[in-house]
Amino acid sequence: MAYLNDVIKILFTDWPDNKKYNYICTCKKKKKSIFIMANHKSSEKRIRQTTARNEGNKYYAKTMRNALKTIRASTSKKEAEEMLPKMDSMLDRLAKKKIIHSKKAANLKSSVIKHVNTLK
């Protein structure tokens, strides 16, 4: 289901064996909650793993965006050049973990280096 954006919470249902889960997901396009009932143990595990990965990926992506904002907002060249190697390594790590695409990482690095070179 490609249009599901965020898994909000996992609720146990009142099944006798307590092994069935309801996953409440929000759809930003339609502004309503959708209930997904997993039919197999493997699909339940897959949903749990995906939820955990999404949370971690959101954290790293937000950290990257904040670092980009700070380096682009800096006005001194010396300060920006100190942040540049850390920014490069962060983008490379995120591309290696497939959190962002490798070409996007290259484009971001290029734009940041251009910005640093224009500073005085």
PDB file of N, CA and C in Angstrom:
ATOM      1  N   MET A   1       0.850  -1.175   0.000  1.00  0.00           N
ATOM      2  CA  MET A   1       0.000   0.000   0.000  1.00  0.00           C
ATOM      3  C   MET A   1       0.890   1.231   0.000  1.00  0.00           C
ATOM      4  N   ALA A   2       1.078   1.811  -1.149  1.00  0.00           N
ATOM      5  CA  ALA A   2       2.043   2.881  -1.316  1.00  0.00           C
ATOM      6  C   ALA A   2       1.583   4.200  -0.702  1.00  0.00           C
ATOM      7  N   TYR A   3       0.286   4.400  -0.492  1.00  0.00           N
ATOM      8  CA  TYR A   3      -0.185   5.695  -0.029  1.00  0.00           C
ATOM      9  C   TYR A   3      -0.173   5.816   1.486  1.00  0.00           C
ATOM     10  N   LEU A   4       0.212   4.782   2.206  1.00  0.00           N
ATOM     11  CA  LEU A   4       0.277   4.872   3.650  1.00  0.00           C
ATOM     12  C   LEU A   4       1.575   5.553   4.050  1.00  0.00           C
ATOM     13  N   ASN A   5       1.492   6.518   4.926  1.00  0.00           N
ATOM     14  CA  ASN A   5       2.685   7.287   5.268  1.00  0.00           C
ATOM     15  C   ASN A   5       3.242   6.953   6.643  1.00  0.00           C
ATOM     16  N   ASP A   6       2.421   6.934   7.645  1.00  0.00           N
ATOM     17  CA  ASP A   6       2.928   6.756   8.996  1.00  0.00           C
ATOM     18  C   ASP A   6       2.116   5.703   9.731  1.00  0.00           C
ATOM     19  N   VAL A   7       2.807   4.828  10.407  1.00  0.00           N
ATOM     20  CA  VAL A   7       2.128   3.903  11.306  1.00  0.00           C
ATOM     21  C   VAL A   7       2.107   4.583  12.660  1.00  0.00           C
ATOM     22  N   ILE A   8       0.917   4.836  13.184  1.00  0.00           N
ATOM     23  CA  ILE A   8       0.816   5.607  14.419  1.00  0.00           C
ATOM     24  C   ILE A   8       0.999   4.723  15.641  1.00  0.00           C
ATOM     25  N   LYS A   9       0.191   3.716  15.787  1.00  0.00           N
ATOM     26  CA  LYS A   9       0.348   2.841  16.944  1.00  0.00           C
ATOM     27  C   LYS A   9      -0.164   1.450  16.638  1.00  0.00           C
ATOM     28  N   ILE A  10       0.317   0.528  17.424  1.00  0.00           N
ATOM     29  CA  ILE A  10      -0.050  -0.869  17.243  1.00  0.00           C
ATOM     30  C   ILE A  10      -0.965  -1.244  18.411  1.00  0.00           C
ATOM     31  N   LEU A  11      -2.112  -1.793  18.098  1.00  0.00           N
ATOM     32  CA  LEU A  11      -3.065  -2.178  19.134  1.00  0.00           C
ATOM     33  C   LEU A  11      -3.259  -3.684  19.118  1.00  0.00           C
ATOM     34  N   PHE A  12      -3.252  -4.284  20.286  1.00  0.00           N
ATOM     35  CA  PHE A  12      -3.602  -5.695  20.387  1.00  0.00           C
ATOM     36  C   PHE A  12      -5.114  -5.808  20.342  1.00  0.00           C
ATOM     37  N   THR A  13      -5.588  -6.751  19.586  1.00  0.00           N
ATOM     38  CA  THR A  13      -7.027  -6.981  19.547  1.00  0.00           C
ATOM     39  C   THR A  13      -7.389  -8.024  20.592  1.00  0.00           C
ATOM     40  N   ASP A  14      -8.645  -8.203  20.807  1.00  0.00           N
ATOM     41  CA  ASP A  14      -9.094  -9.137  21.839  1.00  0.00           C
ATOM     42  C   ASP A  14      -9.316 -10.523  21.253  1.00  0.00           C
ATOM     43  N   TRP A  15      -8.329 -11.012  20.497  1.00  0.00           N
ATOM     44  CA  TRP A  15      -8.373 -12.376  20.011  1.00  0.00           C
ATOM     45  C   TRP A  15      -7.964 -13.305  21.143  1.00  0.00           C
ATOM     46  N   PRO A  16      -8.439 -14.544  21.147  1.00  0.00           N
ATOM     47  CA  PRO A  16      -8.116 -15.449  22.251  1.00  0.00           C
ATOM     48  C   PRO A  16      -6.616 -15.726  22.381  1.00  0.00           C
ATOM     49  N   ASP A  17      -5.898 -15.797  21.281  1.00  0.00           N
ATOM     50  CA  ASP A  17      -4.486 -16.143  21.376  1.00  0.00           C
ATOM     51  C   ASP A  17      -3.579 -14.907  21.465  1.00  0.00           C
ATOM     52  N   ASN A  18      -4.159 -13.689  21.350  1.00  0.00           N
ATOM     53  CA  ASN A  18      -3.416 -12.425  21.423  1.00  0.00           C
ATOM     54  C   ASN A  18      -2.251 -12.367  20.441  1.00  0.00           C
ATOM     55  N   LYS A  19      -2.349 -13.022  19.318  1.00  0.00           N
ATOM     56  CA  LYS A  19      -1.274 -12.992  18.334  1.00  0.00           C
ATOM     57  C   LYS A  19      -1.639 -12.167  17.106  1.00  0.00           C
ATOM     58  N   LYS A  20      -2.858 -11.709  17.015  1.00  0.00           N
ATOM     59  CA  LYS A  20      -3.272 -10.887  15.886  1.00  0.00           C
ATOM     60  C   LYS A  20      -3.090  -9.413  16.261  1.00  0.00           C
ATOM     61  N   TYR A  21      -2.710  -8.609  15.313  1.00  0.00           N
ATOM     62  CA  TYR A  21      -2.490  -7.194  15.557  1.00  0.00           C
ATOM     63  C   TYR A  21      -3.352  -6.362  14.617  1.00  0.00           C
ATOM     64  N   ASN A  22      -3.736  -5.202  15.079  1.00  0.00           N
ATOM     65  CA  ASN A  22      -4.328  -4.185  14.223  1.00  0.00           C
ATOM     66  C   ASN A  22      -3.306  -3.070  14.096  1.00  0.00           C
ATOM     67  N   TYR A  23      -3.043  -2.634  12.907  1.00  0.00           N
ATOM     68  CA  TYR A  23      -2.123  -1.537  12.686  1.00  0.00           C
ATOM     69  C   TYR A  23      -2.929  -0.345  12.197  1.00  0.00           C
ATOM     70  N   ILE A  24      -2.881   0.745  12.932  1.00  0.00           N
ATOM     71  CA  ILE A  24      -3.599   1.941  12.529  1.00  0.00           C
ATOM     72  C   ILE A  24      -2.627   2.798  11.729  1.00  0.00           C
ATOM     73  N   CYS A  25      -2.969   3.065  10.496  1.00  0.00           N
ATOM     74  CA  CYS A  25      -2.122   3.863   9.616  1.00  0.00           C
ATOM     75  C   CYS A  25      -2.905   5.084   9.162  1.00  0.00           C
ATOM     76  N   THR A  26      -2.194   6.159   8.903  1.00  0.00           N
ATOM     77  CA  THR A  26      -2.860   7.347   8.391  1.00  0.00           C
ATOM     78  C   THR A  26      -2.522   7.521   6.923  1.00  0.00           C
ATOM     79  N   CYS A  27      -3.462   8.006   6.212  1.00  0.00           N
ATOM     80  CA  CYS A  27      -3.281   8.328   4.803  1.00  0.00           C
ATOM     81  C   CYS A  27      -3.382   9.838   4.689  1.00  0.00           C
ATOM     82  N   LYS A  28      -2.280  10.519   4.345  1.00  0.00           N
ATOM     83  CA  LYS A  28      -2.290  11.976   4.305  1.00  0.00           C
ATOM     84  C   LYS A  28      -3.159  12.519   3.178  1.00  0.00           C
ATOM     85  N   LYS A  29      -3.318  11.744   2.110  1.00  0.00           N
ATOM     86  CA  LYS A  29      -4.119  12.219   0.997  1.00  0.00           C
ATOM     87  C   LYS A  29      -5.603  12.223   1.341  1.00  0.00           C
ATOM     88  N   LYS A  30      -6.064  11.188   2.031  1.00  0.00           N
ATOM     89  CA  LYS A  30      -7.497  11.055   2.285  1.00  0.00           C
ATOM     90  C   LYS A  30      -7.889  11.469   3.698  1.00  0.00           C
ATOM     91  N   LYS A  31      -6.903  11.770   4.556  1.00  0.00           N
ATOM     92  CA  LYS A  31      -7.147  12.253   5.917  1.00  0.00           C
ATOM     93  C   LYS A  31      -8.048  11.321   6.720  1.00  0.00           C
ATOM     94  N   LYS A  32      -7.739  10.021   6.693  1.00  0.00           N
ATOM     95  CA  LYS A  32      -8.508   9.088   7.509  1.00  0.00           C
ATOM     96  C   LYS A  32      -7.613   7.928   7.911  1.00  0.00           C
ATOM     97  N   SER A  33      -8.023   7.193   8.917  1.00  0.00           N
ATOM     98  CA  SER A  33      -7.255   6.050   9.392  1.00  0.00           C
ATOM     99  C   SER A  33      -7.675   4.801   8.649  1.00  0.00           C
ATOM    100  N   ILE A  34      -6.705   3.918   8.448  1.00  0.00           N
ATOM    101  CA  ILE A  34      -6.956   2.658   7.764  1.00  0.00           C
ATOM    102  C   ILE A  34      -6.458   1.550   8.668  1.00  0.00           C
ATOM    103  N   PHE A  35      -7.251   0.512   8.842  1.00  0.00           N
ATOM    104  CA  PHE A  35      -6.871  -0.611   9.677  1.00  0.00           C
ATOM    105  C   PHE A  35      -6.352  -1.736   8.797  1.00  0.00           C
ATOM    106  N   ILE A  36      -5.199  -2.268   9.150  1.00  0.00           N
ATOM    107  CA  ILE A  36      -4.614  -3.373   8.407  1.00  0.00           C
ATOM    108  C   ILE A  36      -4.536  -4.571   9.343  1.00  0.00           C
ATOM    109  N   MET A  37      -5.074  -5.691   8.926  1.00  0.00           N
ATOM    110  CA  MET A  37      -5.004  -6.914   9.703  1.00  0.00           C
ATOM    111  C   MET A  37      -4.023  -7.848   9.015  1.00  0.00           C
ATOM    112  N   ALA A  38      -2.945  -8.171   9.713  1.00  0.00           N
ATOM    113  CA  ALA A  38      -1.963  -9.087   9.139  1.00  0.00           C
ATOM    114  C   ALA A  38      -2.502 -10.510   9.223  1.00  0.00           C
ATOM    115  N   ASN A  39      -2.266 -11.275   8.177  1.00  0.00           N
ATOM    116  CA  ASN A  39      -2.800 -12.636   8.120  1.00  0.00           C
ATOM    117  C   ASN A  39      -1.754 -13.692   8.473  1.00  0.00           C
ATOM    118  N   HIS A  40      -0.492 -13.368   8.455  1.00  0.00           N
ATOM    119  CA  HIS A  40       0.557 -14.342   8.735  1.00  0.00           C
ATOM    120  C   HIS A  40       1.537 -13.781   9.747  1.00  0.00           C
ATOM    121  N   LYS A  41       2.223 -14.686  10.437  1.00  0.00           N
ATOM    122  CA  LYS A  41       3.222 -14.258  11.405  1.00  0.00           C
ATOM    123  C   LYS A  41       4.316 -13.442  10.733  1.00  0.00           C
ATOM    124  N   SER A  42       4.717 -13.879   9.553  1.00  0.00           N
ATOM    125  CA  SER A  42       5.796 -13.178   8.856  1.00  0.00           C
ATOM    126  C   SER A  42       5.372 -11.773   8.458  1.00  0.00           C
ATOM    127  N   SER A  43       4.102 -11.592   8.084  1.00  0.00           N
ATOM    128  CA  SER A  43       3.646 -10.250   7.716  1.00  0.00           C
ATOM    129  C   SER A  43       3.540  -9.353   8.945  1.00  0.00           C
ATOM    130  N   GLU A  44       3.185  -9.922  10.106  1.00  0.00           N
ATOM    131  CA  GLU A  44       3.178  -9.148  11.352  1.00  0.00           C
ATOM    132  C   GLU A  44       4.584  -8.670  11.683  1.00  0.00           C
ATOM    133  N   LYS A  45       5.548  -9.572  11.557  1.00  0.00           N
ATOM    134  CA  LYS A  45       6.938  -9.225  11.838  1.00  0.00           C
ATOM    135  C   LYS A  45       7.435  -8.184  10.845  1.00  0.00           C
ATOM    136  N   ARG A  46       7.073  -8.344   9.587  1.00  0.00           N
ATOM    137  CA  ARG A  46       7.503  -7.407   8.558  1.00  0.00           C
ATOM    138  C   ARG A  46       6.980  -6.003   8.854  1.00  0.00           C
ATOM    139  N   ILE A  47       5.725  -5.900   9.315  1.00  0.00           N
ATOM    140  CA  ILE A  47       5.151  -4.592   9.640  1.00  0.00           C
ATOM    141  C   ILE A  47       5.884  -3.981  10.824  1.00  0.00           C
ATOM    142  N   ARG A  48       6.198  -4.794  11.839  1.00  0.00           N
ATOM    143  CA  ARG A  48       6.951  -4.282  12.995  1.00  0.00           C
ATOM    144  C   ARG A  48       8.326  -3.791  12.579  1.00  0.00           C
ATOM    145  N   GLN A  49       9.016  -4.560  11.743  1.00  0.00           N
ATOM    146  CA  GLN A  49      10.356  -4.173  11.302  1.00  0.00           C
ATOM    147  C   GLN A  49      10.315  -2.891  10.473  1.00  0.00           C
ATOM    148  N   THR A  50       9.342  -2.803   9.595  1.00  0.00           N
ATOM    149  CA  THR A  50       9.223  -1.625   8.745  1.00  0.00           C
ATOM    150  C   THR A  50       8.968  -0.383   9.580  1.00  0.00           C
ATOM    151  N   THR A  51       8.122  -0.508  10.596  1.00  0.00           N
ATOM    152  CA  THR A  51       7.830   0.620  11.477  1.00  0.00           C
ATOM    153  C   THR A  51       9.092   1.095  12.175  1.00  0.00           C
ATOM    154  N   ALA A  52       9.860   0.152  12.707  1.00  0.00           N
ATOM    155  CA  ALA A  52      11.088   0.517  13.412  1.00  0.00           C
ATOM    156  C   ALA A  52      12.094   1.162  12.465  1.00  0.00           C
ATOM    157  N   ARG A  53      12.231   0.624  11.271  1.00  0.00           N
ATOM    158  CA  ARG A  53      13.168   1.195  10.288  1.00  0.00           C
ATOM    159  C   ARG A  53      12.739   2.599   9.866  1.00  0.00           C
ATOM    160  N   ASN A  54      11.435   2.789   9.672  1.00  0.00           N
ATOM    161  CA  ASN A  54      10.942   4.108   9.278  1.00  0.00           C
ATOM    162  C   ASN A  54      11.274   5.160  10.320  1.00  0.00           C
ATOM    163  N   GLU A  55      11.128   4.806  11.597  1.00  0.00           N
ATOM    164  CA  GLU A  55      11.434   5.755  12.665  1.00  0.00           C
ATOM    165  C   GLU A  55      12.913   6.146  12.638  1.00  0.00           C
ATOM    166  N   GLY A  56      13.790   5.150  12.493  1.00  0.00           N
ATOM    167  CA  GLY A  56      15.218   5.442  12.435  1.00  0.00           C
ATOM    168  C   GLY A  56      15.588   6.254  11.216  1.00  0.00           C
ATOM    169  N   ASN A  57      15.021   5.906  10.074  1.00  0.00           N
ATOM    170  CA  ASN A  57      15.331   6.632   8.843  1.00  0.00           C
ATOM    171  C   ASN A  57      14.859   8.078   8.907  1.00  0.00           C
ATOM    172  N   LYS A  58      13.691   8.308   9.533  1.00  0.00           N
ATOM    173  CA  LYS A  58      13.197   9.674   9.692  1.00  0.00           C
ATOM    174  C   LYS A  58      14.165  10.496  10.532  1.00  0.00           C
ATOM    175  N   TYR A  59      14.704   9.890  11.593  1.00  0.00           N
ATOM    176  CA  TYR A  59      15.638  10.599  12.469  1.00  0.00           C
ATOM    177  C   TYR A  59      16.892  11.001  11.695  1.00  0.00           C
ATOM    178  N   TYR A  60      17.474  10.062  10.961  1.00  0.00           N
ATOM    179  CA  TYR A  60      18.703  10.362  10.230  1.00  0.00           C
ATOM    180  C   TYR A  60      18.464  11.377   9.115  1.00  0.00           C
ATOM    181  N   ALA A  61      17.343  11.274   8.427  1.00  0.00           N
ATOM    182  CA  ALA A  61      17.038  12.220   7.358  1.00  0.00           C
ATOM    183  C   ALA A  61      16.831  13.623   7.920  1.00  0.00           C
ATOM    184  N   LYS A  62      16.166  13.727   9.062  1.00  0.00           N
ATOM    185  CA  LYS A  62      15.947  15.033   9.690  1.00  0.00           C
ATOM    186  C   LYS A  62      17.267  15.619  10.166  1.00  0.00           C
ATOM    187  N   THR A  63      18.142  14.786  10.726  1.00  0.00           N
ATOM    188  CA  THR A  63      19.454  15.246  11.158  1.00  0.00           C
ATOM    189  C   THR A  63      20.242  15.791   9.973  1.00  0.00           C
ATOM    190  N   MET A  64      20.172  15.091   8.839  1.00  0.00           N
ATOM    191  CA  MET A  64      20.860  15.544   7.633  1.00  0.00           C
ATOM    192  C   MET A  64      20.321  16.888   7.168  1.00  0.00           C
ATOM    193  N   ARG A  65      18.997  17.042   7.160  1.00  0.00           N
ATOM    194  CA  ARG A  65      18.407  18.302   6.713  1.00  0.00           C
ATOM    195  C   ARG A  65      18.809  19.448   7.630  1.00  0.00           C
ATOM    196  N   ASN A  66      18.850  19.203   8.938  1.00  0.00           N
ATOM    197  CA  ASN A  66      19.260  20.251   9.878  1.00  0.00           C
ATOM    198  C   ASN A  66      20.719  20.640   9.664  1.00  0.00           C
ATOM    199  N   ALA A  67      21.582  19.662   9.411  1.00  0.00           N
ATOM    200  CA  ALA A  67      22.990  19.957   9.159  1.00  0.00           C
ATOM    201  C   ALA A  67      23.148  20.762   7.874  1.00  0.00           C
ATOM    202  N   LEU A  68      22.369  20.410   6.847  1.00  0.00           N
ATOM    203  CA  LEU A  68      22.413  21.173   5.600  1.00  0.00           C
ATOM    204  C   LEU A  68      21.974  22.617   5.818  1.00  0.00           C
ATOM    205  N   LYS A  69      20.932  22.800   6.628  1.00  0.00           N
ATOM    206  CA  LYS A  69      20.457  24.158   6.902  1.00  0.00           C
ATOM    207  C   LYS A  69      21.523  24.983   7.605  1.00  0.00           C
ATOM    208  N   THR A  70      22.210  24.375   8.584  1.00  0.00           N
ATOM    209  CA  THR A  70      23.215  25.136   9.322  1.00  0.00           C
ATOM    210  C   THR A  70      24.400  25.500   8.448  1.00  0.00           C
ATOM    211  N   ILE A  71      24.830  24.576   7.592  1.00  0.00           N
ATOM    212  CA  ILE A  71      25.984  24.877   6.741  1.00  0.00           C
ATOM    213  C   ILE A  71      25.606  25.894   5.660  1.00  0.00           C
ATOM    214  N   ARG A  72      24.378  25.865   5.195  1.00  0.00           N
ATOM    215  CA  ARG A  72      23.954  26.847   4.193  1.00  0.00           C
ATOM    216  C   ARG A  72      23.685  28.213   4.818  1.00  0.00           C
ATOM    217  N   ALA A  73      23.337  28.236   6.099  1.00  0.00           N
ATOM    218  CA  ALA A  73      23.067  29.503   6.776  1.00  0.00           C
ATOM    219  C   ALA A  73      24.339  30.181   7.284  1.00  0.00           C
ATOM    220  N   SER A  74      25.429  29.438   7.320  1.00  0.00           N
ATOM    221  CA  SER A  74      26.676  30.028   7.824  1.00  0.00           C
ATOM    222  C   SER A  74      27.182  31.086   6.857  1.00  0.00           C
ATOM    223  N   THR A  75      27.757  32.134   7.424  1.00  0.00           N
ATOM    224  CA  THR A  75      28.248  33.237   6.604  1.00  0.00           C
ATOM    225  C   THR A  75      29.769  33.287   6.546  1.00  0.00           C
ATOM    226  N   SER A  76      30.451  32.645   7.474  1.00  0.00           N
ATOM    227  CA  SER A  76      31.912  32.664   7.451  1.00  0.00           C
ATOM    228  C   SER A  76      32.437  31.410   6.744  1.00  0.00           C
ATOM    229  N   LYS A  77      33.418  31.613   5.898  1.00  0.00           N
ATOM    230  CA  LYS A  77      33.971  30.519   5.108  1.00  0.00           C
ATOM    231  C   LYS A  77      34.714  29.527   5.994  1.00  0.00           C
ATOM    232  N   LYS A  78      35.417  30.038   6.994  1.00  0.00           N
ATOM    233  CA  LYS A  78      36.196  29.174   7.885  1.00  0.00           C
ATOM    234  C   LYS A  78      35.283  28.198   8.625  1.00  0.00           C
ATOM    235  N   GLU A  79      34.188  28.735   9.146  1.00  0.00           N
ATOM    236  CA  GLU A  79      33.219  27.898   9.880  1.00  0.00           C
ATOM    237  C   GLU A  79      32.595  26.843   8.960  1.00  0.00           C
ATOM    238  N   ALA A  80      32.257  27.245   7.736  1.00  0.00           N
ATOM    239  CA  ALA A  80      31.634  26.314   6.787  1.00  0.00           C
ATOM    240  C   ALA A  80      32.622  25.234   6.356  1.00  0.00           C
ATOM    241  N   GLU A  81      33.891  25.592   6.183  1.00  0.00           N
ATOM    242  CA  GLU A  81      34.898  24.602   5.787  1.00  0.00           C
ATOM    243  C   GLU A  81      35.153  23.582   6.888  1.00  0.00           C
ATOM    244  N   GLU A  82      34.972  23.977   8.147  1.00  0.00           N
ATOM    245  CA  GLU A  82      35.108  23.031   9.258  1.00  0.00           C
ATOM    246  C   GLU A  82      33.956  22.030   9.268  1.00  0.00           C
ATOM    247  N   MET A  83      32.770  22.476   8.900  1.00  0.00           N
ATOM    248  CA  MET A  83      31.602  21.586   8.892  1.00  0.00           C
ATOM    249  C   MET A  83      31.540  20.693   7.651  1.00  0.00           C
ATOM    250  N   LEU A  84      32.241  21.087   6.594  1.00  0.00           N
ATOM    251  CA  LEU A  84      32.137  20.397   5.307  1.00  0.00           C
ATOM    252  C   LEU A  84      32.539  18.921   5.347  1.00  0.00           C
ATOM    253  N   PRO A  85      33.680  18.529   5.955  1.00  0.00           N
ATOM    254  CA  PRO A  85      34.026  17.095   5.966  1.00  0.00           C
ATOM    255  C   PRO A  85      33.013  16.234   6.725  1.00  0.00           C
ATOM    256  N   LYS A  86      32.468  16.785   7.813  1.00  0.00           N
ATOM    257  CA  LYS A  86      31.452  16.042   8.571  1.00  0.00           C
ATOM    258  C   LYS A  86      30.195  15.856   7.736  1.00  0.00           C
ATOM    259  N   MET A  87      29.832  16.904   7.002  1.00  0.00           N
ATOM    260  CA  MET A  87      28.652  16.831   6.150  1.00  0.00           C
ATOM    261  C   MET A  87      28.846  15.804   5.034  1.00  0.00           C
ATOM    262  N   ASP A  88      30.035  15.795   4.427  1.00  0.00           N
ATOM    263  CA  ASP A  88      30.326  14.834   3.364  1.00  0.00           C
ATOM    264  C   ASP A  88      30.232  13.401   3.874  1.00  0.00           C
ATOM    265  N   SER A  89      30.832  13.147   5.028  1.00  0.00           N
ATOM    266  CA  SER A  89      30.805  11.782   5.561  1.00  0.00           C
ATOM    267  C   SER A  89      29.385  11.370   5.948  1.00  0.00           C
ATOM    268  N   MET A  90      28.602  12.319   6.472  1.00  0.00           N
ATOM    269  CA  MET A  90      27.216  12.006   6.829  1.00  0.00           C
ATOM    270  C   MET A  90      26.408  11.630   5.587  1.00  0.00           C
ATOM    271  N   LEU A  91      26.576  12.396   4.518  1.00  0.00           N
ATOM    272  CA  LEU A  91      25.847  12.092   3.288  1.00  0.00           C
ATOM    273  C   LEU A  91      26.279  10.752   2.706  1.00  0.00           C
ATOM    274  N   ASP A  92      27.575  10.458   2.760  1.00  0.00           N
ATOM    275  CA  ASP A  92      28.057   9.166   2.255  1.00  0.00           C
ATOM    276  C   ASP A  92      27.494   8.004   3.061  1.00  0.00           C
ATOM    277  N   ARG A  93      27.447   8.173   4.389  1.00  0.00           N
ATOM    278  CA  ARG A  93      26.900   7.109   5.242  1.00  0.00           C
ATOM    279  C   ARG A  93      25.425   6.874   4.953  1.00  0.00           C
ATOM    280  N   LEU A  94      24.660   7.953   4.802  1.00  0.00           N
ATOM    281  CA  LEU A  94      23.230   7.813   4.526  1.00  0.00           C
ATOM    282  C   LEU A  94      22.994   7.173   3.161  1.00  0.00           C
ATOM    283  N   ALA A  95      23.848   7.493   2.195  1.00  0.00           N
ATOM    284  CA  ALA A  95      23.713   6.866   0.880  1.00  0.00           C
ATOM    285  C   ALA A  95      24.082   5.389   0.949  1.00  0.00           C
ATOM    286  N   LYS A  96      25.080   5.063   1.757  1.00  0.00           N
ATOM    287  CA  LYS A  96      25.493   3.663   1.896  1.00  0.00           C
ATOM    288  C   LYS A  96      24.394   2.827   2.557  1.00  0.00           C
ATOM    289  N   LYS A  97      23.701   3.418   3.536  1.00  0.00           N
ATOM    290  CA  LYS A  97      22.614   2.713   4.219  1.00  0.00           C
ATOM    291  C   LYS A  97      21.310   2.756   3.439  1.00  0.00           C
ATOM    292  N   LYS A  98      21.326   3.420   2.270  1.00  0.00           N
ATOM    293  CA  LYS A  98      20.166   3.543   1.393  1.00  0.00           C
ATOM    294  C   LYS A  98      19.029   4.340   2.017  1.00  0.00           C
ATOM    295  N   ILE A  99      19.375   5.273   2.905  1.00  0.00           N
ATOM    296  CA  ILE A  99      18.369   6.170   3.460  1.00  0.00           C
ATOM    297  C   ILE A  99      18.073   7.263   2.440  1.00  0.00           C
ATOM    298  N   ILE A 100      19.107   7.727   1.751  1.00  0.00           N
ATOM    299  CA  ILE A 100      18.917   8.615   0.615  1.00  0.00           C
ATOM    300  C   ILE A 100      19.602   7.977  -0.592  1.00  0.00           C
ATOM    301  N   HIS A 101      19.225   8.385  -1.771  1.00  0.00           N
ATOM    302  CA  HIS A 101      19.820   7.840  -2.985  1.00  0.00           C
ATOM    303  C   HIS A 101      21.238   8.364  -3.140  1.00  0.00           C
ATOM    304  N   SER A 102      22.112   7.563  -3.722  1.00  0.00           N
ATOM    305  CA  SER A 102      23.512   7.957  -3.860  1.00  0.00           C
ATOM    306  C   SER A 102      23.675   9.185  -4.749  1.00  0.00           C
ATOM    307  N   LYS A 103      22.829   9.301  -5.765  1.00  0.00           N
ATOM    308  CA  LYS A 103      22.919  10.477  -6.642  1.00  0.00           C
ATOM    309  C   LYS A 103      22.413  11.730  -5.931  1.00  0.00           C
ATOM    310  N   LYS A 104      21.443  11.570  -5.048  1.00  0.00           N
ATOM    311  CA  LYS A 104      20.984  12.720  -4.272  1.00  0.00           C
ATOM    312  C   LYS A 104      22.091  13.185  -3.340  1.00  0.00           C
ATOM    313  N   ALA A 105      22.805  12.237  -2.737  1.00  0.00           N
ATOM    314  CA  ALA A 105      23.929  12.599  -1.868  1.00  0.00           C
ATOM    315  C   ALA A 105      24.985  13.361  -2.655  1.00  0.00           C
ATOM    316  N   ALA A 106      25.279  12.905  -3.871  1.00  0.00           N
ATOM    317  CA  ALA A 106      26.265  13.584  -4.710  1.00  0.00           C
ATOM    318  C   ALA A 106      25.803  14.992  -5.062  1.00  0.00           C
ATOM    319  N   ASN A 107      24.522  15.141  -5.390  1.00  0.00           N
ATOM    320  CA  ASN A 107      23.990  16.463  -5.730  1.00  0.00           C
ATOM    321  C   ASN A 107      24.039  17.410  -4.531  1.00  0.00           C
ATOM    322  N   LEU A 108      23.694  16.899  -3.343  1.00  0.00           N
ATOM    323  CA  LEU A 108      23.726  17.732  -2.144  1.00  0.00           C
ATOM    324  C   LEU A 108      25.154  18.157  -1.823  1.00  0.00           C
ATOM    325  N   LYS A 109      26.096  17.214  -1.916  1.00  0.00           N
ATOM    326  CA  LYS A 109      27.501  17.552  -1.651  1.00  0.00           C
ATOM    327  C   LYS A 109      27.983  18.618  -2.625  1.00  0.00           C
ATOM    328  N   SER A 110      27.629  18.471  -3.882  1.00  0.00           N
ATOM    329  CA  SER A 110      28.048  19.432  -4.891  1.00  0.00           C
ATOM    330  C   SER A 110      27.501  20.821  -4.596  1.00  0.00           C
ATOM    331  N   SER A 111      26.231  20.898  -4.247  1.00  0.00           N
ATOM    332  CA  SER A 111      25.623  22.205  -3.977  1.00  0.00           C
ATOM    333  C   SER A 111      26.212  22.849  -2.726  1.00  0.00           C
ATOM    334  N   VAL A 112      26.509  22.038  -1.713  1.00  0.00           N
ATOM    335  CA  VAL A 112      27.099  22.585  -0.488  1.00  0.00           C
ATOM    336  C   VAL A 112      28.518  23.091  -0.753  1.00  0.00           C
ATOM    337  N   ILE A 113      29.282  22.346  -1.534  1.00  0.00           N
ATOM    338  CA  ILE A 113      30.648  22.772  -1.851  1.00  0.00           C
ATOM    339  C   ILE A 113      30.623  24.065  -2.668  1.00  0.00           C
ATOM    340  N   LYS A 114      29.681  24.186  -3.593  1.00  0.00           N
ATOM    341  CA  LYS A 114      29.545  25.430  -4.351  1.00  0.00           C
ATOM    342  C   LYS A 114      29.236  26.594  -3.422  1.00  0.00           C
ATOM    343  N   HIS A 115      28.351  26.357  -2.457  1.00  0.00           N
ATOM    344  CA  HIS A 115      27.992  27.415  -1.507  1.00  0.00           C
ATOM    345  C   HIS A 115      29.207  27.832  -0.678  1.00  0.00           C
ATOM    346  N   VAL A 116      29.971  26.859  -0.213  1.00  0.00           N
ATOM    347  CA  VAL A 116      31.146  27.169   0.608  1.00  0.00           C
ATOM    348  C   VAL A 116      32.176  27.946  -0.208  1.00  0.00           C
ATOM    349  N   ASN A 117      32.332  27.600  -1.468  1.00  0.00           N
ATOM    350  CA  ASN A 117      33.299  28.289  -2.302  1.00  0.00           C
ATOM    351  C   ASN A 117      32.910  29.731  -2.605  1.00  0.00           C
ATOM    352  N   THR A 118      31.613  30.027  -2.577  1.00  0.00           N
ATOM    353  CA  THR A 118      31.181  31.406  -2.832  1.00  0.00           C
ATOM    354  C   THR A 118      31.337  32.293  -1.610  1.00  0.00           C
ATOM    355  N   LEU A 119      31.491  31.703  -0.431  1.00  0.00           N
ATOM    356  CA  LEU A 119      31.622  32.517   0.789  1.00  0.00           C
ATOM    357  C   LEU A 119      32.966  33.220   0.821  1.00  0.00           C
ATOM    358  N   LYS A 120      33.001  34.331   1.569  1.00  0.00           N
ATOM    359  CA  LYS A 120      34.246  35.087   1.714  1.00  0.00           C
ATOM    360  C   LYS A 120      34.718  35.066   3.143  1.00  0.00           C
TER     361      LYS A 120
END
